Amino acid sequence: MKSLSIVIPGVILVIFGIIFSFQGQGMIGPESSFMYESEEWIDNGMIISMIGVILILIGYFVEKKKLT
């Protein structure tokens, strides 16, 4: 159960990272947003998604270690 508290924020970060990346590419979001078609937010979105994936992996390995 402890790993779930690590995995859930990881999943949320991955989702936000994808949204930010798409907004940086100009695929979603209002054109008036400072994030719209901004290369900086494409990079930020990918970094946020990677942090989320790392959290998910940490949660997975914590759970796996707990079971052994």
N, C-alpha and C. Protein backbone atom coordinates (compact mmCIF):
# COMPACT_ATOMS: atom_id res chain seq x y z
N MET A 1 0.81 -1.20 0.00
CA MET A 1 0.00 0.00 0.00
C MET A 1 0.86 1.26 0.00
N LYS A 2 2.04 1.15 0.58
CA LYS A 2 2.93 2.31 0.62
C LYS A 2 3.37 2.72 -0.78
N SER A 3 3.52 1.76 -1.66
CA SER A 3 3.96 2.08 -3.01
C SER A 3 2.88 2.83 -3.79
N LEU A 4 1.63 2.63 -3.43
CA LEU A 4 0.54 3.32 -4.11
C LEU A 4 0.64 4.84 -3.90
N SER A 5 1.14 5.24 -2.74
CA SER A 5 1.29 6.68 -2.48
C SER A 5 2.44 7.27 -3.29
N ILE A 6 3.26 6.44 -3.90
CA ILE A 6 4.32 6.91 -4.79
C ILE A 6 3.87 6.83 -6.24
N VAL A 7 3.12 5.80 -6.57
CA VAL A 7 2.70 5.57 -7.96
C VAL A 7 1.65 6.59 -8.41
N ILE A 8 0.69 6.91 -7.56
CA ILE A 8 -0.38 7.83 -7.95
C ILE A 8 0.15 9.21 -8.32
N PRO A 9 1.02 9.83 -7.50
CA PRO A 9 1.59 11.11 -7.96
C PRO A 9 2.41 10.96 -9.24
N GLY A 10 3.05 9.81 -9.43
CA GLY A 10 3.79 9.57 -10.66
C GLY A 10 2.89 9.57 -11.88
N VAL A 11 1.75 8.91 -11.77
CA VAL A 11 0.78 8.87 -12.87
C VAL A 11 0.25 10.28 -13.16
N ILE A 12 -0.04 11.03 -12.10
CA ILE A 12 -0.53 12.40 -12.27
C ILE A 12 0.52 13.26 -12.98
N LEU A 13 1.79 13.10 -12.58
CA LEU A 13 2.86 13.87 -13.23
C LEU A 13 3.00 13.50 -14.70
N VAL A 14 2.87 12.22 -15.03
CA VAL A 14 2.95 11.80 -16.43
C VAL A 14 1.83 12.45 -17.24
N ILE A 15 0.62 12.45 -16.69
CA ILE A 15 -0.52 13.04 -17.40
C ILE A 15 -0.30 14.54 -17.60
N PHE A 16 0.11 15.24 -16.53
CA PHE A 16 0.37 16.68 -16.66
C PHE A 16 1.50 16.95 -17.64
N GLY A 17 2.53 16.14 -17.61
CA GLY A 17 3.65 16.32 -18.52
C GLY A 17 3.22 16.18 -19.97
N ILE A 18 2.37 15.21 -20.24
CA ILE A 18 1.86 15.02 -21.61
C ILE A 18 1.02 16.22 -22.03
N ILE A 19 0.16 16.69 -21.13
CA ILE A 19 -0.67 17.85 -21.44
C ILE A 19 0.20 19.08 -21.72
N PHE A 20 1.20 19.31 -20.86
CA PHE A 20 2.08 20.47 -21.05
C PHE A 20 2.85 20.36 -22.36
N SER A 21 3.30 19.17 -22.69
CA SER A 21 4.03 18.97 -23.94
C SER A 21 3.14 19.23 -25.15
N PHE A 22 1.91 18.72 -25.11
CA PHE A 22 0.98 18.96 -26.22
C PHE A 22 0.64 20.45 -26.33
N GLN A 23 0.51 21.10 -25.18
CA GLN A 23 0.21 22.53 -25.22
C GLN A 23 1.40 23.30 -25.78
N GLY A 24 2.60 22.88 -25.44
CA GLY A 24 3.79 23.52 -25.99
C GLY A 24 3.90 23.34 -27.49
N GLN A 25 3.36 22.23 -27.99
CA GLN A 25 3.36 21.98 -29.44
C GLN A 25 2.21 22.68 -30.15
N GLY A 26 1.29 23.24 -29.38
CA GLY A 26 0.14 23.93 -29.97
C GLY A 26 -0.96 22.99 -30.38
N MET A 27 -0.98 21.77 -29.81
CA MET A 27 -2.01 20.79 -30.17
C MET A 27 -3.28 20.96 -29.34
N ILE A 28 -3.14 21.40 -28.09
CA ILE A 28 -4.31 21.61 -27.24
C ILE A 28 -4.13 22.93 -26.51
N GLY A 29 -5.22 23.42 -25.95
CA GLY A 29 -5.17 24.62 -25.14
C GLY A 29 -5.50 25.88 -25.91
N PRO A 30 -5.78 26.93 -25.16
CA PRO A 30 -6.12 28.21 -25.82
C PRO A 30 -4.88 28.88 -26.40
N GLU A 31 -5.04 29.56 -27.49
CA GLU A 31 -3.92 30.25 -28.13
C GLU A 31 -3.42 31.41 -27.29
N SER A 32 -4.21 31.87 -26.34
CA SER A 32 -3.80 32.99 -25.50
C SER A 32 -2.88 32.55 -24.35
N SER A 33 -2.71 31.25 -24.17
CA SER A 33 -1.88 30.73 -23.09
C SER A 33 -0.40 30.99 -23.36
N PHE A 34 0.34 31.29 -22.30
CA PHE A 34 1.79 31.51 -22.45
C PHE A 34 2.51 30.21 -22.79
N MET A 35 1.86 29.08 -22.59
CA MET A 35 2.46 27.78 -22.89
C MET A 35 2.23 27.36 -24.34
N TYR A 36 1.29 27.99 -25.01
CA TYR A 36 0.90 27.59 -26.37
C TYR A 36 2.04 27.85 -27.35
N GLU A 37 2.41 26.80 -28.08
CA GLU A 37 3.48 26.83 -29.07
C GLU A 37 4.79 27.39 -28.51
N SER A 38 5.14 26.92 -27.33
CA SER A 38 6.38 27.33 -26.68
C SER A 38 7.30 26.11 -26.56
N GLU A 39 8.46 26.18 -27.19
CA GLU A 39 9.40 25.05 -27.14
C GLU A 39 9.85 24.76 -25.72
N GLU A 40 9.90 25.78 -24.89
CA GLU A 40 10.29 25.58 -23.49
C GLU A 40 9.31 24.63 -22.79
N TRP A 41 8.02 24.75 -23.09
CA TRP A 41 7.04 23.90 -22.44
C TRP A 41 6.99 22.49 -23.02
N ILE A 42 7.47 22.32 -24.23
CA ILE A 42 7.63 20.96 -24.75
C ILE A 42 8.68 20.24 -23.91
N ASP A 43 9.81 20.92 -23.67
CA ASP A 43 10.87 20.34 -22.84
C ASP A 43 10.40 20.14 -21.40
N ASN A 44 9.73 21.15 -20.83
CA ASN A 44 9.24 21.02 -19.46
C ASN A 44 8.27 19.85 -19.33
N GLY A 45 7.40 19.69 -20.31
CA GLY A 45 6.45 18.58 -20.27
C GLY A 45 7.14 17.23 -20.30
N MET A 46 8.18 17.11 -21.11
CA MET A 46 8.91 15.85 -21.17
C MET A 46 9.65 15.57 -19.85
N ILE A 47 10.21 16.61 -19.26
CA ILE A 47 10.91 16.44 -17.99
C ILE A 47 9.94 16.04 -16.89
N ILE A 48 8.79 16.69 -16.85
CA ILE A 48 7.77 16.35 -15.85
C ILE A 48 7.30 14.91 -16.04
N SER A 49 7.10 14.50 -17.29
CA SER A 49 6.69 13.12 -17.56
C SER A 49 7.76 12.12 -17.13
N MET A 50 9.02 12.45 -17.37
CA MET A 50 10.11 11.54 -16.96
C MET A 50 10.16 11.41 -15.43
N ILE A 51 9.96 12.50 -14.73
CA ILE A 51 9.93 12.43 -13.27
C ILE A 51 8.79 11.53 -12.81
N GLY A 52 7.64 11.65 -13.49
CA GLY A 52 6.51 10.78 -13.16
C GLY A 52 6.82 9.31 -13.40
N VAL A 53 7.48 9.01 -14.50
CA VAL A 53 7.86 7.62 -14.80
C VAL A 53 8.84 7.11 -13.74
N ILE A 54 9.77 7.95 -13.32
CA ILE A 54 10.71 7.54 -12.28
C ILE A 54 9.97 7.23 -10.98
N LEU A 55 8.99 8.05 -10.62
CA LEU A 55 8.21 7.78 -9.42
C LEU A 55 7.44 6.47 -9.54
N ILE A 56 6.87 6.22 -10.71
CA ILE A 56 6.15 4.96 -10.92
C ILE A 56 7.09 3.78 -10.76
N LEU A 57 8.28 3.88 -11.33
CA LEU A 57 9.26 2.78 -11.21
C LEU A 57 9.70 2.59 -9.76
N ILE A 58 9.90 3.68 -9.04
CA ILE A 58 10.28 3.57 -7.63
C ILE A 58 9.17 2.85 -6.86
N GLY A 59 7.93 3.24 -7.11
CA GLY A 59 6.80 2.58 -6.45
C GLY A 59 6.73 1.10 -6.79
N TYR A 60 7.00 0.77 -8.04
CA TYR A 60 6.99 -0.64 -8.46
C TYR A 60 8.06 -1.43 -7.73
N PHE A 61 9.27 -0.88 -7.66
CA PHE A 61 10.36 -1.61 -7.01
C PHE A 61 10.18 -1.69 -5.50
N VAL A 62 9.57 -0.68 -4.89
CA VAL A 62 9.25 -0.74 -3.45
C VAL A 62 8.27 -1.87 -3.19
N GLU A 63 7.25 -1.97 -4.04
CA GLU A 63 6.27 -3.04 -3.87
C GLU A 63 6.88 -4.40 -4.11
N LYS A 64 7.73 -4.50 -5.13
CA LYS A 64 8.37 -5.77 -5.45
C LYS A 64 9.29 -6.21 -4.31
N LYS A 65 10.03 -5.27 -3.73
CA LYS A 65 10.92 -5.59 -2.64
C LYS A 65 10.14 -6.02 -1.39
N LYS A 66 8.99 -5.38 -1.19
CA LYS A 66 8.16 -5.69 -0.04
C LYS A 66 7.61 -7.13 -0.11
N LEU A 67 7.35 -7.60 -1.33
CA LEU A 67 6.79 -8.93 -1.51
C LEU A 67 7.83 -10.03 -1.35
N THR A 68 9.11 -9.71 -1.49
CA THR A 68 10.15 -10.74 -1.38
C THR A 68 10.70 -10.83 0.01
